[in-house]
All heavy atoms as atom14 arrays in JSON, in Angstrom:
{
  "sequence": "PMRLTHAALGAMLARGHGRIINVASVAAFIPRSTYGACKGWLVSFSR",
  "atom14_mask": [
    [1, 1, 1, 1, 1, 1, 1, 0, 0, 0, 0, 0, 0, 0],
    [1, 1, 1, 1, 1, 1, 1, 1, 0, 0, 0, 0, 0, 0],
    [1, 1, 1, 1, 1, 1, 1, 1, 1, 1, 1, 0, 0, 0],
    [1, 1, 1, 1, 1, 1, 1, 1, 0, 0, 0, 0, 0, 0],
    [1, 1, 1, 1, 1, 1, 1, 0, 0, 0, 0, 0, 0, 0],
    [1, 1, 1, 1, 1, 1, 1, 1, 1, 1, 0, 0, 0, 0],
    [1, 1, 1, 1, 1, 0, 0, 0, 0, 0, 0, 0, 0, 0],
    [1, 1, 1, 1, 1, 0, 0, 0, 0, 0, 0, 0, 0, 0],
    [1, 1, 1, 1, 1, 1, 1, 1, 0, 0, 0, 0, 0, 0],
    [1, 1, 1, 1, 0, 0, 0, 0, 0, 0, 0, 0, 0, 0],
    [1, 1, 1, 1, 1, 0, 0, 0, 0, 0, 0, 0, 0, 0],
    [1, 1, 1, 1, 1, 1, 1, 1, 0, 0, 0, 0, 0, 0],
    [1, 1, 1, 1, 1, 1, 1, 1, 0, 0, 0, 0, 0, 0],
    [1, 1, 1, 1, 1, 0, 0, 0, 0, 0, 0, 0, 0, 0],
    [1, 1, 1, 1, 1, 1, 1, 1, 1, 1, 1, 0, 0, 0],
    [1, 1, 1, 1, 0, 0, 0, 0, 0, 0, 0, 0, 0, 0],
    [1, 1, 1, 1, 1, 1, 1, 1, 1, 1, 0, 0, 0, 0],
    [1, 1, 1, 1, 0, 0, 0, 0, 0, 0, 0, 0, 0, 0],
    [1, 1, 1, 1, 1, 1, 1, 1, 1, 1, 1, 0, 0, 0],
    [1, 1, 1, 1, 1, 1, 1, 1, 0, 0, 0, 0, 0, 0],
    [1, 1, 1, 1, 1, 1, 1, 1, 0, 0, 0, 0, 0, 0],
    [1, 1, 1, 1, 1, 1, 1, 1, 0, 0, 0, 0, 0, 0],
    [1, 1, 1, 1, 1, 1, 1, 0, 0, 0, 0, 0, 0, 0],
    [1, 1, 1, 1, 1, 0, 0, 0, 0, 0, 0, 0, 0, 0],
    [1, 1, 1, 1, 1, 1, 0, 0, 0, 0, 0, 0, 0, 0],
    [1, 1, 1, 1, 1, 1, 1, 0, 0, 0, 0, 0, 0, 0],
    [1, 1, 1, 1, 1, 0, 0, 0, 0, 0, 0, 0, 0, 0],
    [1, 1, 1, 1, 1, 0, 0, 0, 0, 0, 0, 0, 0, 0],
    [1, 1, 1, 1, 1, 1, 1, 1, 1, 1, 1, 0, 0, 0],
    [1, 1, 1, 1, 1, 1, 1, 1, 0, 0, 0, 0, 0, 0],
    [1, 1, 1, 1, 1, 1, 1, 0, 0, 0, 0, 0, 0, 0],
    [1, 1, 1, 1, 1, 1, 1, 1, 1, 1, 1, 0, 0, 0],
    [1, 1, 1, 1, 1, 1, 0, 0, 0, 0, 0, 0, 0, 0],
    [1, 1, 1, 1, 1, 1, 1, 0, 0, 0, 0, 0, 0, 0],
    [1, 1, 1, 1, 1, 1, 1, 1, 1, 1, 1, 1, 0, 0],
    [1, 1, 1, 1, 0, 0, 0, 0, 0, 0, 0, 0, 0, 0],
    [1, 1, 1, 1, 1, 0, 0, 0, 0, 0, 0, 0, 0, 0],
    [1, 1, 1, 1, 1, 1, 0, 0, 0, 0, 0, 0, 0, 0],
    [1, 1, 1, 1, 1, 1, 1, 1, 1, 0, 0, 0, 0, 0],
    [1, 1, 1, 1, 0, 0, 0, 0, 0, 0, 0, 0, 0, 0],
    [1, 1, 1, 1, 1, 1, 1, 1, 1, 1, 1, 1, 1, 1],
    [1, 1, 1, 1, 1, 1, 1, 1, 0, 0, 0, 0, 0, 0],
    [1, 1, 1, 1, 1, 1, 1, 0, 0, 0, 0, 0, 0, 0],
    [1, 1, 1, 1, 1, 1, 0, 0, 0, 0, 0, 0, 0, 0],
    [1, 1, 1, 1, 1, 1, 1, 1, 1, 1, 1, 0, 0, 0],
    [1, 1, 1, 1, 1, 1, 0, 0, 0, 0, 0, 0, 0, 0],
    [1, 1, 1, 1, 1, 1, 1, 1, 1, 1, 1, 0, 0, 0]
  ],
  "atom14_positions": [
    [[26.66, 26.09, -61.09], [25.59, 25.57, -60.28], [25.94, 24.28, -59.51], [25.5, 24.14, -58.42], [24.48, 25.26, -61.3], [25.03, 25.2, -62.62], [26.24, 26.18, -62.49], [0.0, 0.0, 0.0], [0.0, 0.0, 0.0], [0.0, 0.0, 0.0], [0.0, 0.0, 0.0], [0.0, 0.0, 0.0], [0.0, 0.0, 0.0], [0.0, 0.0, 0.0]],
    [[26.89, 23.46, -60.04], [27.43, 22.32, -59.33], [28.17, 22.89, -58.02], [27.87, 22.3, -56.84], [28.22, 21.46, -60.15], [28.76, 20.22, -59.37], [29.61, 19.12, -60.41], [31.12, 20.13, -60.83], [0.0, 0.0, 0.0], [0.0, 0.0, 0.0], [0.0, 0.0, 0.0], [0.0, 0.0, 0.0], [0.0, 0.0, 0.0], [0.0, 0.0, 0.0]],
    [[28.95, 23.69, -58.15], [29.73, 24.27, -57.06], [28.85, 24.95, -55.99], [29.1, 24.68, -54.82], [30.85, 25.14, -57.53], [32.05, 24.57, -58.19], [33.09, 25.53, -58.69], [34.19, 24.89, -59.32], [35.27, 24.43, -58.75], [35.29, 24.46, -57.41], [36.24, 23.89, -59.5], [0.0, 0.0, 0.0], [0.0, 0.0, 0.0], [0.0, 0.0, 0.0]],
    [[27.98, 25.77, -56.47], [27.12, 26.51, -55.57], [26.1, 25.49, -54.8], [25.84, 25.66, -53.54], [26.34, 27.62, -56.25], [27.15, 28.73, -56.83], [26.26, 29.83, -57.39], [27.94, 29.33, -55.79], [0.0, 0.0, 0.0], [0.0, 0.0, 0.0], [0.0, 0.0, 0.0], [0.0, 0.0, 0.0], [0.0, 0.0, 0.0], [0.0, 0.0, 0.0]],
    [[25.6, 24.61, -55.55], [24.74, 23.56, -54.91], [25.55, 22.76, -53.85], [25.01, 22.55, -52.71], [24.24, 22.59, -55.96], [23.35, 23.38, -56.92], [23.35, 21.44, -55.35], [0.0, 0.0, 0.0], [0.0, 0.0, 0.0], [0.0, 0.0, 0.0], [0.0, 0.0, 0.0], [0.0, 0.0, 0.0], [0.0, 0.0, 0.0], [0.0, 0.0, 0.0]],
    [[26.77, 22.45, -54.11], [27.61, 21.65, -53.19], [27.78, 22.51, -51.88], [27.73, 22.08, -50.75], [28.95, 21.27, -53.88], [29.78, 20.41, -52.97], [30.81, 20.9, -52.09], [29.87, 19.08, -52.82], [31.35, 20.0, -51.53], [30.77, 18.82, -51.94], [0.0, 0.0, 0.0], [0.0, 0.0, 0.0], [0.0, 0.0, 0.0], [0.0, 0.0, 0.0]],
    [[28.09, 23.83, -52.19], [28.22, 24.76, -51.04], [26.98, 24.85, -50.14], [27.12, 24.94, -48.91], [28.78, 26.04, -51.56], [0.0, 0.0, 0.0], [0.0, 0.0, 0.0], [0.0, 0.0, 0.0], [0.0, 0.0, 0.0], [0.0, 0.0, 0.0], [0.0, 0.0, 0.0], [0.0, 0.0, 0.0], [0.0, 0.0, 0.0], [0.0, 0.0, 0.0]],
    [[25.84, 24.94, -50.9], [24.62, 25.16, -50.1], [24.19, 23.94, -49.34], [23.63, 23.99, -48.2], [23.47, 25.47, -51.13], [0.0, 0.0, 0.0], [0.0, 0.0, 0.0], [0.0, 0.0, 0.0], [0.0, 0.0, 0.0], [0.0, 0.0, 0.0], [0.0, 0.0, 0.0], [0.0, 0.0, 0.0], [0.0, 0.0, 0.0], [0.0, 0.0, 0.0]],
    [[24.42, 22.72, -49.82], [23.95, 21.59, -49.31], [24.46, 21.25, -47.82], [23.76, 20.78, -47.0], [24.27, 20.34, -50.12], [23.35, 20.05, -51.29], [23.95, 18.98, -52.28], [21.91, 19.66, -50.81], [0.0, 0.0, 0.0], [0.0, 0.0, 0.0], [0.0, 0.0, 0.0], [0.0, 0.0, 0.0], [0.0, 0.0, 0.0], [0.0, 0.0, 0.0]],
    [[25.68, 21.6, -47.59], [26.27, 21.4, -46.29], [25.47, 21.99, -45.16], [25.04, 21.34, -44.26], [0.0, 0.0, 0.0], [0.0, 0.0, 0.0], [0.0, 0.0, 0.0], [0.0, 0.0, 0.0], [0.0, 0.0, 0.0], [0.0, 0.0, 0.0], [0.0, 0.0, 0.0], [0.0, 0.0, 0.0], [0.0, 0.0, 0.0], [0.0, 0.0, 0.0]],
    [[25.29, 23.31, -45.3], [24.55, 24.13, -44.3], [23.05, 23.71, -44.34], [22.37, 23.64, -43.22], [24.65, 25.61, -44.63], [0.0, 0.0, 0.0], [0.0, 0.0, 0.0], [0.0, 0.0, 0.0], [0.0, 0.0, 0.0], [0.0, 0.0, 0.0], [0.0, 0.0, 0.0], [0.0, 0.0, 0.0], [0.0, 0.0, 0.0], [0.0, 0.0, 0.0]],
    [[22.5, 23.5, -45.5], [21.08, 23.08, -45.57], [20.73, 21.75, -44.9], [19.78, 21.6, -44.15], [20.63, 23.12, -46.92], [20.58, 24.51, -47.65], [19.88, 24.43, -49.27], [19.7, 26.11, -49.79], [0.0, 0.0, 0.0], [0.0, 0.0, 0.0], [0.0, 0.0, 0.0], [0.0, 0.0, 0.0], [0.0, 0.0, 0.0], [0.0, 0.0, 0.0]],
    [[21.66, 20.82, -45.22], [21.39, 19.44, -44.58], [21.6, 19.5, -43.05], [20.93, 18.72, -42.33], [22.3, 18.47, -45.24], [21.97, 18.12, -46.68], [23.12, 17.3, -47.37], [20.64, 17.43, -46.79], [0.0, 0.0, 0.0], [0.0, 0.0, 0.0], [0.0, 0.0, 0.0], [0.0, 0.0, 0.0], [0.0, 0.0, 0.0], [0.0, 0.0, 0.0]],
    [[22.56, 20.29, -42.61], [22.89, 20.38, -41.15], [21.63, 21.0, -40.5], [21.28, 20.59, -39.38], [24.05, 21.26, -40.96], [0.0, 0.0, 0.0], [0.0, 0.0, 0.0], [0.0, 0.0, 0.0], [0.0, 0.0, 0.0], [0.0, 0.0, 0.0], [0.0, 0.0, 0.0], [0.0, 0.0, 0.0], [0.0, 0.0, 0.0], [0.0, 0.0, 0.0]],
    [[20.98, 22.0, -41.21], [19.73, 22.5, -40.51], [18.53, 21.66, -40.81], [17.54, 21.88, -40.05], [19.52, 23.91, -41.25], [20.43, 25.08, -40.94], [19.87, 26.34, -41.35], [19.18, 26.44, -42.83], [19.95, 26.64, -43.84], [21.19, 26.88, -43.77], [19.37, 26.7, -45.01], [0.0, 0.0, 0.0], [0.0, 0.0, 0.0], [0.0, 0.0, 0.0]],
    [[18.42, 20.83, -41.79], [17.35, 20.04, -42.03], [16.4, 20.65, -43.02], [15.26, 20.13, -43.07], [0.0, 0.0, 0.0], [0.0, 0.0, 0.0], [0.0, 0.0, 0.0], [0.0, 0.0, 0.0], [0.0, 0.0, 0.0], [0.0, 0.0, 0.0], [0.0, 0.0, 0.0], [0.0, 0.0, 0.0], [0.0, 0.0, 0.0], [0.0, 0.0, 0.0]],
    [[16.7, 21.82, -43.58], [15.74, 22.39, -44.52], [16.52, 23.32, -45.51], [17.5, 23.89, -45.12], [14.61, 23.07, -43.84], [15.02, 24.13, -42.83], [15.26, 25.41, -43.2], [15.26, 24.06, -41.51], [15.73, 26.04, -42.02], [15.63, 25.21, -41.05], [0.0, 0.0, 0.0], [0.0, 0.0, 0.0], [0.0, 0.0, 0.0], [0.0, 0.0, 0.0]],
    [[15.85, 23.48, -46.65], [16.41, 24.37, -47.66], [15.94, 23.98, -49.1], [15.47, 22.97, -49.24], [0.0, 0.0, 0.0], [0.0, 0.0, 0.0], [0.0, 0.0, 0.0], [0.0, 0.0, 0.0], [0.0, 0.0, 0.0], [0.0, 0.0, 0.0], [0.0, 0.0, 0.0], [0.0, 0.0, 0.0], [0.0, 0.0, 0.0], [0.0, 0.0, 0.0]],
    [[15.98, 25.04, -49.88], [15.46, 24.69, -51.41], [16.52, 25.23, -52.39], [17.03, 26.31, -52.17], [14.12, 25.41, -51.52], [13.06, 24.98, -50.55], [11.66, 25.36, -51.03], [10.58, 25.13, -50.05], [10.0, 23.98, -49.97], [10.37, 22.98, -50.73], [9.05, 23.75, -49.03], [0.0, 0.0, 0.0], [0.0, 0.0, 0.0], [0.0, 0.0, 0.0]],
    [[16.74, 24.44, -53.32], [17.58, 24.79, -54.42], [16.89, 24.8, -55.86], [16.2, 23.8, -56.12], [18.83, 23.89, -54.55], [19.76, 24.01, -53.2], [19.69, 24.2, -55.66], [20.76, 22.9, -53.11], [0.0, 0.0, 0.0], [0.0, 0.0, 0.0], [0.0, 0.0, 0.0], [0.0, 0.0, 0.0], [0.0, 0.0, 0.0], [0.0, 0.0, 0.0]],
    [[16.94, 25.85, -56.58], [16.38, 25.96, -57.87], [17.45, 26.06, -58.86], [18.34, 27.01, -58.83], [15.45, 27.14, -58.04], [14.34, 27.19, -56.99], [14.93, 27.36, -59.42], [13.5, 28.41, -56.94], [0.0, 0.0, 0.0], [0.0, 0.0, 0.0], [0.0, 0.0, 0.0], [0.0, 0.0, 0.0], [0.0, 0.0, 0.0], [0.0, 0.0, 0.0]],
    [[17.49, 25.13, -59.84], [18.41, 25.18, -61.04], [17.54, 25.57, -62.28], [16.77, 24.7, -62.74], [19.05, 23.89, -61.2], [20.01, 23.49, -60.08], [20.77, 24.45, -59.62], [20.07, 22.29, -59.63], [0.0, 0.0, 0.0], [0.0, 0.0, 0.0], [0.0, 0.0, 0.0], [0.0, 0.0, 0.0], [0.0, 0.0, 0.0], [0.0, 0.0, 0.0]],
    [[17.82, 26.76, -62.72], [17.03, 27.18, -63.91], [17.66, 26.49, -65.12], [18.73, 26.8, -65.56], [17.09, 28.73, -64.05], [16.26, 29.08, -65.33], [16.36, 29.41, -62.79], [0.0, 0.0, 0.0], [0.0, 0.0, 0.0], [0.0, 0.0, 0.0], [0.0, 0.0, 0.0], [0.0, 0.0, 0.0], [0.0, 0.0, 0.0], [0.0, 0.0, 0.0]],
    [[16.92, 25.62, -65.73], [17.31, 24.82, -66.96], [16.49, 25.36, -68.05], [16.44, 26.52, -68.23], [17.04, 23.33, -66.66], [0.0, 0.0, 0.0], [0.0, 0.0, 0.0], [0.0, 0.0, 0.0], [0.0, 0.0, 0.0], [0.0, 0.0, 0.0], [0.0, 0.0, 0.0], [0.0, 0.0, 0.0], [0.0, 0.0, 0.0], [0.0, 0.0, 0.0]],
    [[15.9, 24.49, -68.88], [15.22, 24.9, -70.09], [14.56, 23.73, -70.67], [14.96, 22.54, -70.5], [16.25, 25.52, -71.14], [15.62, 25.67, -72.33], [0.0, 0.0, 0.0], [0.0, 0.0, 0.0], [0.0, 0.0, 0.0], [0.0, 0.0, 0.0], [0.0, 0.0, 0.0], [0.0, 0.0, 0.0], [0.0, 0.0, 0.0], [0.0, 0.0, 0.0]],
    [[13.48, 23.92, -71.51], [12.86, 22.75, -72.22], [13.91, 22.29, -73.28], [13.78, 21.17, -73.78], [11.59, 23.3, -72.95], [10.58, 23.52, -71.96], [11.78, 24.41, -73.92], [0.0, 0.0, 0.0], [0.0, 0.0, 0.0], [0.0, 0.0, 0.0], [0.0, 0.0, 0.0], [0.0, 0.0, 0.0], [0.0, 0.0, 0.0], [0.0, 0.0, 0.0]],
    [[14.89, 23.06, -73.49], [15.97, 22.56, -74.47], [16.68, 21.36, -73.86], [17.35, 20.59, -74.63], [17.04, 23.7, -74.68], [0.0, 0.0, 0.0], [0.0, 0.0, 0.0], [0.0, 0.0, 0.0], [0.0, 0.0, 0.0], [0.0, 0.0, 0.0], [0.0, 0.0, 0.0], [0.0, 0.0, 0.0], [0.0, 0.0, 0.0], [0.0, 0.0, 0.0]],
    [[16.54, 21.02, -72.55], [17.06, 19.83, -71.92], [16.48, 18.61, -72.51], [17.07, 17.57, -72.49], [16.78, 19.86, -70.39], [0.0, 0.0, 0.0], [0.0, 0.0, 0.0], [0.0, 0.0, 0.0], [0.0, 0.0, 0.0], [0.0, 0.0, 0.0], [0.0, 0.0, 0.0], [0.0, 0.0, 0.0], [0.0, 0.0, 0.0], [0.0, 0.0, 0.0]],
    [[15.22, 18.72, -73.1], [14.53, 17.56, -73.6], [14.48, 17.52, -75.18], [13.93, 16.52, -75.71], [13.12, 17.59, -73.09], [12.94, 17.82, -71.58], [12.7, 19.05, -71.06], [13.14, 16.54, -70.81], [12.61, 19.15, -69.66], [13.02, 16.86, -69.44], [12.84, 18.08, -68.83], [0.0, 0.0, 0.0], [0.0, 0.0, 0.0], [0.0, 0.0, 0.0]],
    [[15.1, 18.57, -75.73], [15.18, 18.66, -77.24], [16.52, 18.91, -77.65], [17.12, 19.95, -77.22], [14.17, 19.86, -77.7], [12.75, 19.53, -77.19], [14.23, 19.92, -79.21], [11.88, 20.79, -77.34], [0.0, 0.0, 0.0], [0.0, 0.0, 0.0], [0.0, 0.0, 0.0], [0.0, 0.0, 0.0], [0.0, 0.0, 0.0], [0.0, 0.0, 0.0]],
    [[17.2, 18.09, -78.53], [18.48, 18.39, -78.97], [18.68, 19.84, -79.45], [17.99, 20.32, -80.34], [18.74, 17.4, -80.13], [17.82, 16.32, -79.93], [16.59, 16.96, -79.24], [0.0, 0.0, 0.0], [0.0, 0.0, 0.0], [0.0, 0.0, 0.0], [0.0, 0.0, 0.0], [0.0, 0.0, 0.0], [0.0, 0.0, 0.0], [0.0, 0.0, 0.0]],
    [[19.63, 20.54, -78.82], [19.81, 21.99, -79.16], [21.27, 22.34, -78.78], [21.54, 23.03, -77.83], [18.82, 22.83, -78.48], [18.76, 24.26, -79.06], [17.61, 24.95, -78.32], [17.63, 26.38, -78.74], [17.16, 26.9, -79.84], [16.68, 26.16, -80.85], [17.24, 28.24, -80.21], [0.0, 0.0, 0.0], [0.0, 0.0, 0.0], [0.0, 0.0, 0.0]],
    [[22.16, 21.83, -79.64], [23.63, 22.14, -79.51], [24.04, 22.05, -78.06], [23.56, 21.23, -77.29], [23.96, 23.48, -80.05], [25.29, 23.82, -80.19], [0.0, 0.0, 0.0], [0.0, 0.0, 0.0], [0.0, 0.0, 0.0], [0.0, 0.0, 0.0], [0.0, 0.0, 0.0], [0.0, 0.0, 0.0], [0.0, 0.0, 0.0], [0.0, 0.0, 0.0]],
    [[25.12, 22.78, -77.62], [25.67, 22.59, -76.31], [24.66, 23.13, -75.19], [24.79, 22.89, -74.02], [27.05, 23.19, -76.2], [27.0, 24.6, -76.66], [28.03, 22.43, -76.99], [0.0, 0.0, 0.0], [0.0, 0.0, 0.0], [0.0, 0.0, 0.0], [0.0, 0.0, 0.0], [0.0, 0.0, 0.0], [0.0, 0.0, 0.0], [0.0, 0.0, 0.0]],
    [[23.81, 24.1, -75.61], [22.82, 24.73, -74.59], [21.93, 23.64, -74.2], [21.81, 23.48, -72.97], [22.08, 25.86, -75.29], [21.14, 26.47, -74.35], [21.59, 27.43, -73.5], [19.73, 26.32, -74.41], [20.77, 28.11, -72.67], [18.92, 26.86, -73.46], [19.36, 27.8, -72.63], [18.62, 28.57, -71.76], [0.0, 0.0, 0.0], [0.0, 0.0, 0.0]],
    [[21.42, 22.82, -75.04], [20.51, 21.74, -74.65], [21.25, 20.66, -73.81], [20.76, 20.02, -72.8], [0.0, 0.0, 0.0], [0.0, 0.0, 0.0], [0.0, 0.0, 0.0], [0.0, 0.0, 0.0], [0.0, 0.0, 0.0], [0.0, 0.0, 0.0], [0.0, 0.0, 0.0], [0.0, 0.0, 0.0], [0.0, 0.0, 0.0], [0.0, 0.0, 0.0]],
    [[22.51, 20.41, -74.07], [23.41, 19.48, -73.43], [23.63, 19.9, -71.97], [23.52, 19.08, -70.96], [24.65, 19.22, -74.14], [0.0, 0.0, 0.0], [0.0, 0.0, 0.0], [0.0, 0.0, 0.0], [0.0, 0.0, 0.0], [0.0, 0.0, 0.0], [0.0, 0.0, 0.0], [0.0, 0.0, 0.0], [0.0, 0.0, 0.0], [0.0, 0.0, 0.0]],
    [[23.84, 21.21, -71.79], [24.24, 21.72, -70.5], [22.83, 21.63, -69.63], [22.96, 21.28, -68.46], [24.62, 23.16, -70.55], [26.32, 23.45, -71.16], [0.0, 0.0, 0.0], [0.0, 0.0, 0.0], [0.0, 0.0, 0.0], [0.0, 0.0, 0.0], [0.0, 0.0, 0.0], [0.0, 0.0, 0.0], [0.0, 0.0, 0.0], [0.0, 0.0, 0.0]],
    [[21.73, 22.06, -70.24], [20.56, 22.04, -69.49], [20.04, 20.65, -69.18], [19.46, 20.36, -68.14], [19.47, 22.82, -70.23], [19.76, 24.27, -70.41], [20.05, 25.01, -69.07], [20.15, 26.58, -69.35], [20.44, 27.24, -67.98], [0.0, 0.0, 0.0], [0.0, 0.0, 0.0], [0.0, 0.0, 0.0], [0.0, 0.0, 0.0], [0.0, 0.0, 0.0]],
    [[20.45, 19.63, -70.07], [20.12, 18.23, -69.79], [20.9, 17.79, -68.58], [20.35, 17.06, -67.76], [0.0, 0.0, 0.0], [0.0, 0.0, 0.0], [0.0, 0.0, 0.0], [0.0, 0.0, 0.0], [0.0, 0.0, 0.0], [0.0, 0.0, 0.0], [0.0, 0.0, 0.0], [0.0, 0.0, 0.0], [0.0, 0.0, 0.0], [0.0, 0.0, 0.0]],
    [[22.1, 18.21, -68.43], [22.79, 17.86, -67.17], [22.17, 18.41, -66.01], [22.04, 17.63, -64.93], [24.32, 18.49, -67.36], [25.16, 17.98, -66.21], [25.99, 16.94, -66.09], [25.18, 18.54, -64.85], [26.53, 16.82, -64.85], [26.16, 17.86, -64.12], [24.71, 19.73, -64.36], [26.5, 18.19, -62.75], [25.03, 20.09, -62.98], [25.96, 19.31, -62.22]],
    [[21.8, 19.68, -65.92], [21.12, 20.27, -64.87], [19.79, 19.51, -64.45], [19.55, 19.29, -63.29], [20.77, 21.68, -65.22], [21.7, 22.81, -64.71], [21.07, 24.15, -65.1], [22.01, 22.75, -63.29], [0.0, 0.0, 0.0], [0.0, 0.0, 0.0], [0.0, 0.0, 0.0], [0.0, 0.0, 0.0], [0.0, 0.0, 0.0], [0.0, 0.0, 0.0]],
    [[18.94, 19.07, -65.45], [17.82, 18.41, -65.15], [18.08, 17.07, -64.6], [17.54, 16.65, -63.45], [16.94, 18.17, -66.36], [15.84, 17.22, -66.24], [16.4, 19.51, -66.89], [0.0, 0.0, 0.0], [0.0, 0.0, 0.0], [0.0, 0.0, 0.0], [0.0, 0.0, 0.0], [0.0, 0.0, 0.0], [0.0, 0.0, 0.0], [0.0, 0.0, 0.0]],
    [[19.02, 16.27, -65.14], [19.36, 14.99, -64.63], [19.9, 15.11, -63.22], [19.61, 14.24, -62.29], [20.34, 14.3, -65.42], [20.67, 13.01, -64.97], [0.0, 0.0, 0.0], [0.0, 0.0, 0.0], [0.0, 0.0, 0.0], [0.0, 0.0, 0.0], [0.0, 0.0, 0.0], [0.0, 0.0, 0.0], [0.0, 0.0, 0.0], [0.0, 0.0, 0.0]],
    [[20.82, 15.97, -62.92], [21.37, 16.15, -61.64], [20.4, 16.63, -60.61], [20.26, 16.09, -59.45], [22.48, 17.29, -61.73], [23.03, 17.62, -60.36], [23.85, 16.75, -59.59], [22.91, 18.89, -59.78], [24.43, 16.96, -58.42], [23.4, 19.15, -58.5], [24.15, 18.23, -57.9], [0.0, 0.0, 0.0], [0.0, 0.0, 0.0], [0.0, 0.0, 0.0]],
    [[19.43, 17.55, -60.98], [18.46, 17.92, -60.07], [17.47, 16.81, -59.7], [17.01, 16.7, -58.57], [17.7, 19.21, -60.72], [18.49, 20.26, -60.88], [0.0, 0.0, 0.0], [0.0, 0.0, 0.0], [0.0, 0.0, 0.0], [0.0, 0.0, 0.0], [0.0, 0.0, 0.0], [0.0, 0.0, 0.0], [0.0, 0.0, 0.0], [0.0, 0.0, 0.0]],
    [[17.13, 16.1, -60.74], [16.13, 14.98, -60.49], [16.83, 13.91, -59.45], [16.13, 13.59, -58.51], [15.84, 14.26, -61.7], [14.8, 13.17, -61.56], [14.48, 12.49, -62.9], [13.5, 13.3, -63.69], [13.77, 13.75, -64.94], [15.0, 13.45, -65.44], [12.88, 14.39, -65.51], [0.0, 0.0, 0.0], [0.0, 0.0, 0.0], [0.0, 0.0, 0.0]]
  ]
}
């Protein structure tokens, strides 16, 4: 998702519009092995 978001942003910012959805999980807010850690990264980055 980091690579695809980076790829999308160039064209979207040049046009002045676009939407990116990163499907995370409530596990981002609750310790849950590496799944929660990965989803926590997505939430922090998206915010």
